[in-house]
Amino acid sequence: MASVTVRVDESTKERAAEIAEDFGFDLSSVTRAFYRQIVRENRIPLNLSYGEPNRESLEALREAAQIAERGTSRFADADEVFHALGI
């Protein structure tokens, strides 16, 4: 057997341990299972993706697409921008 040392902040470790314990595991068991899955699948079994954008972000993306299509911004000048921002 070989030993593996992993450095992680205390909060992350505590939260991960709580989740593992909810499933009846300890962190060492979860780590061993993760390593075995890497070997079995010959890949890093992680789903690396961004979450879905919130409504405000989706609206901003739609507005940006409209601006790009029009070729103009929604403000005529910087004064209108500052006014819209309440500055």
C-alpha atoms as a PDB file:
ATOM      1  CA  MET A   1       0.000   0.000   0.000  1.00  0.00           C
ATOM      2  CA  ALA A   2       1.077   3.567  -0.730  1.00  0.00           C
ATOM      3  CA  SER A   3       0.062   6.679   1.166  1.00  0.00           C
ATOM      4  CA  VAL A   4      -1.307   9.829  -0.429  1.00  0.00           C
ATOM      5  CA  THR A   5      -1.310  13.219   1.260  1.00  0.00           C
ATOM      6  CA  VAL A   6      -3.766  15.819   0.054  1.00  0.00           C
ATOM      7  CA  ARG A   7      -3.723  19.433   1.165  1.00  0.00           C
ATOM      8  CA  VAL A   8      -7.091  21.168   1.268  1.00  0.00           C
ATOM      9  CA  ASP A   9      -8.512  23.952   3.387  1.00  0.00           C
ATOM     10  CA  GLU A  10     -10.219  22.884   6.607  1.00  0.00           C
ATOM     11  CA  SER A  11     -13.685  24.061   5.573  1.00  0.00           C
ATOM     12  CA  THR A  12     -13.625  22.043   2.351  1.00  0.00           C
ATOM     13  CA  LYS A  13     -12.397  18.965   4.214  1.00  0.00           C
ATOM     14  CA  GLU A  14     -15.133  19.269   6.835  1.00  0.00           C
ATOM     15  CA  ARG A  15     -17.879  19.738   4.253  1.00  0.00           C
ATOM     16  CA  ALA A  16     -16.585  16.845   2.139  1.00  0.00           C
ATOM     17  CA  ALA A  17     -16.374  14.604   5.212  1.00  0.00           C
ATOM     18  CA  GLU A  18     -19.977  15.428   6.143  1.00  0.00           C
ATOM     19  CA  ILE A  19     -21.187  14.500   2.650  1.00  0.00           C
ATOM     20  CA  ALA A  20     -19.129  11.293   2.611  1.00  0.00           C
ATOM     21  CA  GLU A  21     -20.463  10.351   6.053  1.00  0.00           C
ATOM     22  CA  ASP A  22     -24.042  10.912   4.873  1.00  0.00           C
ATOM     23  CA  PHE A  23     -23.362   8.128   2.354  1.00  0.00           C
ATOM     24  CA  GLY A  24     -21.698   5.941   4.986  1.00  0.00           C
ATOM     25  CA  PHE A  25     -18.103   6.546   3.883  1.00  0.00           C
ATOM     26  CA  ASP A  26     -15.033   8.251   5.259  1.00  0.00           C
ATOM     27  CA  LEU A  27     -12.781  10.461   3.123  1.00  0.00           C
ATOM     28  CA  SER A  28     -10.127   7.762   2.741  1.00  0.00           C
ATOM     29  CA  SER A  29     -12.679   5.350   1.286  1.00  0.00           C
ATOM     30  CA  VAL A  30     -13.989   7.993  -1.102  1.00  0.00           C
ATOM     31  CA  THR A  31     -10.444   8.836  -2.215  1.00  0.00           C
ATOM     32  CA  ARG A  32      -9.633   5.152  -2.828  1.00  0.00           C
ATOM     33  CA  ALA A  33     -12.854   4.743  -4.816  1.00  0.00           C
ATOM     34  CA  PHE A  34     -11.993   7.828  -6.873  1.00  0.00           C
ATOM     35  CA  TYR A  35      -8.521   6.460  -7.711  1.00  0.00           C
ATOM     36  CA  ARG A  36     -10.004   3.081  -8.688  1.00  0.00           C
ATOM     37  CA  GLN A  37     -12.515   4.785 -10.934  1.00  0.00           C
ATOM     38  CA  ILE A  38      -9.707   6.736 -12.651  1.00  0.00           C
ATOM     39  CA  VAL A  39      -7.907   3.472 -13.388  1.00  0.00           C
ATOM     40  CA  ARG A  40     -11.049   1.576 -14.422  1.00  0.00           C
ATOM     41  CA  GLU A  41     -12.291   4.284 -16.802  1.00  0.00           C
ATOM     42  CA  ASN A  42      -8.848   5.465 -17.929  1.00  0.00           C
ATOM     43  CA  ARG A  43      -9.933   9.080 -17.440  1.00  0.00           C
ATOM     44  CA  ILE A  44     -10.473  11.670 -14.714  1.00  0.00           C
ATOM     45  CA  PRO A  45     -14.136  11.093 -13.807  1.00  0.00           C
ATOM     46  CA  LEU A  46     -15.131  14.682 -13.159  1.00  0.00           C
ATOM     47  CA  ASN A  47     -17.899  16.707 -14.718  1.00  0.00           C
ATOM     48  CA  LEU A  48     -16.264  20.094 -15.197  1.00  0.00           C
ATOM     49  CA  SER A  49     -18.885  22.543 -16.339  1.00  0.00           C
ATOM     50  CA  TYR A  50     -20.328  25.892 -15.483  1.00  0.00           C
ATOM     51  CA  GLY A  51     -23.763  26.021 -13.920  1.00  0.00           C
ATOM     52  CA  GLU A  52     -26.692  27.471 -15.770  1.00  0.00           C
ATOM     53  CA  PRO A  53     -26.584  31.276 -15.930  1.00  0.00           C
ATOM     54  CA  ASN A  54     -29.146  33.079 -13.803  1.00  0.00           C
ATOM     55  CA  ARG A  55     -31.998  35.101 -15.302  1.00  0.00           C
ATOM     56  CA  GLU A  56     -30.087  38.407 -15.114  1.00  0.00           C
ATOM     57  CA  SER A  57     -27.124  36.896 -16.968  1.00  0.00           C
ATOM     58  CA  LEU A  58     -29.377  35.374 -19.633  1.00  0.00           C
ATOM     59  CA  GLU A  59     -31.044  38.769 -20.172  1.00  0.00           C
ATOM     60  CA  ALA A  60     -27.623  40.430 -20.466  1.00  0.00           C
ATOM     61  CA  LEU A  61     -26.539  37.820 -23.017  1.00  0.00           C
ATOM     62  CA  ARG A  62     -29.717  38.399 -25.067  1.00  0.00           C
ATOM     63  CA  GLU A  63     -29.158  42.148 -24.929  1.00  0.00           C
ATOM     64  CA  ALA A  64     -25.543  41.715 -26.033  1.00  0.00           C
ATOM     65  CA  ALA A  65     -26.674  39.581 -28.982  1.00  0.00           C
ATOM     66  CA  GLN A  66     -29.215  42.255 -29.982  1.00  0.00           C
ATOM     67  CA  ILE A  67     -26.571  44.978 -29.747  1.00  0.00           C
ATOM     68  CA  ALA A  68     -24.225  42.909 -31.913  1.00  0.00           C
ATOM     69  CA  GLU A  69     -26.987  42.376 -34.501  1.00  0.00           C
ATOM     70  CA  ARG A  70     -27.898  46.088 -34.576  1.00  0.00           C
ATOM     71  CA  GLY A  71     -24.328  47.250 -34.546  1.00  0.00           C
ATOM     72  CA  THR A  72     -25.223  49.957 -32.014  1.00  0.00           C
ATOM     73  CA  SER A  73     -25.345  50.194 -28.247  1.00  0.00           C
ATOM     74  CA  ARG A  74     -28.473  50.968 -26.261  1.00  0.00           C
ATOM     75  CA  PHE A  75     -26.921  54.242 -25.044  1.00  0.00           C
ATOM     76  CA  ALA A  76     -26.131  57.219 -27.258  1.00  0.00           C
ATOM     77  CA  ASP A  77     -23.279  58.439 -25.055  1.00  0.00           C
ATOM     78  CA  ALA A  78     -21.531  58.052 -21.706  1.00  0.00           C
ATOM     79  CA  ASP A  79     -23.951  60.451 -20.003  1.00  0.00           C
ATOM     80  CA  GLU A  80     -26.834  58.060 -20.751  1.00  0.00           C
ATOM     81  CA  VAL A  81     -24.837  55.176 -19.309  1.00  0.00           C
ATOM     82  CA  PHE A  82     -24.115  57.067 -16.079  1.00  0.00           C
ATOM     83  CA  HIS A  83     -27.740  58.192 -15.846  1.00  0.00           C
ATOM     84  CA  ALA A  84     -28.940  54.580 -16.209  1.00  0.00           C
ATOM     85  CA  LEU A  85     -26.509  53.577 -13.461  1.00  0.00           C
ATOM     86  CA  GLY A  86     -27.825  56.321 -11.208  1.00  0.00           C
ATOM     87  CA  ILE A  87     -24.471  58.108 -11.074  1.00  0.00           C
END
